[in-house]
Each structure stands twice: as structure tokens, then as C-alpha cells.
Amino acid sequence: MIAALTLLLVFQLAGEVIARALALPIPGPVIGMALLFLALLIRGGPGEELRQTSGQLLQHLSLLFVPAGTGIVIYGDRIAAEWLPLLVALFLSTFLALAVTALVLKALTHRRTKPTTEAGR
């Protein structure tokens, strides 16, 4: 388990280093996750130890929300004072995520059905 956790943390660290060195607007852990995904694609998938460790982490995922809940409690006054901009940002970002997902799905479905219609001609 220690080796698998070390592997996950090394990729997260690599992502952080890349994000900070290149001043990217993408969080380091996201870059690290993409790098891990690429490494697993090249390797042919995760090993059994990484599979078990990630399963254990996912079982206890709710613990990772404790810091966010603490932040809400600590900054409750500020959130109460700025509730409208936060609510607008929440709704706009949700709508934008849904719209982008729908457009990507539409494009991919159109792209997937297009060759079959041409092959039938």
C-alpha cells in the first residue's frame, strides 16, 4: 500500500511542479492525475496493489470533504455576506458544465454515426 500511495503522491507532486513552473491555470493535482492516466495507458492498466489502494481511498472519500466543511464553518460570515455572487457563480458554472458536456456528447455521437451512414452508401 505504501508503494501505491507513494506513486499517487509522486504524480501529484509532478503535476504541482509542472503547474507552478509553467504558471498554468490548471491545478497541479489535475495535471498529476492526467500524467498518471497516461502512464497507466502506456503500462496497460494499474497493478493489483494500486487497484486495491485506490479502492481503499475511494471507500473513505467522504473524509476528504471534512476540510471543505470546516472552511464553510470558518468563513460562514463571509459566505453569508457574499451569498448572491456565490449562488450566481454556482448556477452559471453548473449550466456551463452541462452545456459543454452536451455539446461534446452531440459532437462525438454525430462523429460516431457519420462513418456508418457513409459506409452504407
Protein backbone atom coordinates (compact mmCIF):
# COMPACT_ATOMS: atom_id res chain seq x y z
CA MET A 1 0.00 0.00 0.00
CA ILE A 2 2.86 2.39 0.75
CA ALA A 3 4.30 1.95 -2.75
CA ALA A 4 0.92 2.73 -4.34
CA LEU A 5 0.39 5.80 -2.15
CA THR A 6 3.91 6.93 -2.99
CA LEU A 7 3.15 6.54 -6.69
CA LEU A 8 -0.02 8.63 -6.35
CA LEU A 9 1.81 11.34 -4.41
CA VAL A 10 4.72 11.39 -6.87
CA PHE A 11 2.31 12.05 -9.74
CA GLN A 12 0.55 14.73 -7.72
CA LEU A 13 3.92 16.34 -6.96
CA ALA A 14 4.91 16.20 -10.63
CA GLY A 15 1.64 17.90 -11.51
CA GLU A 16 2.24 20.62 -8.91
CA VAL A 17 5.78 21.23 -10.19
CA ILE A 18 4.57 21.49 -13.80
CA ALA A 19 1.66 23.78 -12.88
CA ARG A 20 3.86 26.14 -10.90
CA ALA A 21 6.84 26.08 -13.24
CA LEU A 22 4.71 26.88 -16.29
CA ALA A 23 2.26 29.13 -14.37
CA LEU A 24 -0.67 27.10 -15.67
CA PRO A 25 -4.23 27.90 -14.56
CA ILE A 26 -4.85 24.16 -14.08
CA PRO A 27 -4.41 22.75 -10.55
CA GLY A 28 -1.35 20.56 -10.06
CA PRO A 29 -3.33 17.52 -8.87
CA VAL A 30 -5.36 17.59 -12.09
CA ILE A 31 -2.18 17.60 -14.16
CA GLY A 32 -0.79 14.81 -11.97
CA MET A 33 -3.94 12.77 -12.50
CA ALA A 34 -3.64 13.22 -16.27
CA LEU A 35 0.01 12.13 -16.12
CA LEU A 36 -0.96 9.07 -14.05
CA PHE A 37 -3.68 8.26 -16.58
CA LEU A 38 -1.18 8.45 -19.43
CA ALA A 39 1.29 6.29 -17.53
CA LEU A 40 -1.40 3.70 -16.86
CA LEU A 41 -2.42 3.73 -20.52
CA ILE A 42 1.15 3.07 -21.58
CA ARG A 43 1.60 0.42 -18.90
CA GLY A 44 -1.65 -1.34 -19.74
CA GLY A 45 -3.58 -0.53 -16.57
CA PRO A 46 -2.97 -0.38 -12.84
CA GLY A 47 -1.28 -3.15 -10.93
CA GLU A 48 -3.12 -5.05 -8.22
CA GLU A 49 -1.55 -3.01 -5.41
CA LEU A 50 -2.58 0.31 -6.98
CA ARG A 51 -6.06 -1.08 -7.66
CA GLN A 52 -6.51 -2.14 -4.02
CA THR A 53 -5.10 1.09 -2.62
CA SER A 54 -7.30 3.27 -4.82
CA GLY A 55 -10.29 1.16 -3.80
CA GLN A 56 -9.49 1.79 -0.14
CA LEU A 57 -9.14 5.53 -0.78
CA LEU A 58 -12.48 5.63 -2.57
CA GLN A 59 -14.17 3.84 0.34
CA HIS A 60 -13.05 6.66 2.64
CA LEU A 61 -13.62 9.51 0.18
CA SER A 62 -16.10 11.23 2.49
CA LEU A 63 -13.24 12.05 4.88
CA LEU A 64 -11.73 14.29 2.21
CA PHE A 65 -14.76 16.60 2.46
CA VAL A 66 -14.05 17.46 6.10
CA PRO A 67 -11.67 20.35 5.21
CA ALA A 68 -14.30 21.85 2.88
CA GLY A 69 -16.93 21.63 5.60
CA THR A 70 -14.54 23.23 8.07
CA GLY A 71 -13.92 26.07 5.62
CA ILE A 72 -17.64 26.70 5.35
CA VAL A 73 -17.93 26.90 9.11
CA ILE A 74 -14.89 29.14 9.48
CA TYR A 75 -15.88 31.51 6.67
CA GLY A 76 -19.63 31.39 7.35
CA ASP A 77 -19.88 35.17 7.85
CA ARG A 78 -18.13 35.90 4.56
CA ILE A 79 -20.28 33.37 2.71
CA ALA A 80 -23.40 34.96 4.24
CA ALA A 81 -22.23 38.40 3.12
CA GLU A 82 -21.44 37.29 -0.44
CA TRP A 83 -24.16 34.66 -0.98
CA LEU A 84 -25.54 36.19 -4.19
CA PRO A 85 -22.29 36.18 -6.23
CA LEU A 86 -21.54 32.67 -4.96
CA LEU A 87 -25.01 31.45 -5.96
CA VAL A 88 -24.74 33.05 -9.40
CA ALA A 89 -21.28 31.52 -9.92
CA LEU A 90 -22.58 28.13 -8.80
CA PHE A 91 -25.53 28.18 -11.22
CA LEU A 92 -23.51 29.58 -14.14
CA SER A 93 -20.69 27.06 -13.71
CA THR A 94 -23.18 24.19 -13.43
CA PHE A 95 -25.02 25.35 -16.55
CA LEU A 96 -21.75 25.81 -18.43
CA ALA A 97 -20.55 22.32 -17.44
CA LEU A 98 -23.85 20.79 -18.58
CA ALA A 99 -23.81 22.72 -21.86
CA VAL A 100 -20.21 21.77 -22.67
CA THR A 101 -20.92 18.14 -21.81
CA ALA A 102 -24.00 18.13 -24.05
CA LEU A 103 -22.09 19.72 -26.94
CA VAL A 104 -19.21 17.25 -26.63
CA LEU A 105 -21.65 14.34 -26.46
CA LYS A 106 -23.50 15.65 -29.51
CA ALA A 107 -20.27 16.08 -31.46
CA LEU A 108 -19.00 12.64 -30.51
CA THR A 109 -22.32 10.97 -31.34
CA HIS A 110 -22.51 12.81 -34.64
CA ARG A 111 -18.92 11.82 -35.41
CA ARG A 112 -19.61 8.20 -34.49
CA THR A 113 -22.77 7.89 -36.61
CA LYS A 114 -21.33 9.77 -39.58
CA PRO A 115 -18.95 6.99 -40.82
CA THR A 116 -21.69 4.35 -40.64
CA THR A 117 -24.01 6.40 -42.85
CA GLU A 118 -21.24 6.93 -45.37
CA ALA A 119 -20.28 3.25 -45.30
CA GLY A 120 -23.86 2.27 -46.16
CA ARG A 121 -23.83 4.36 -49.36
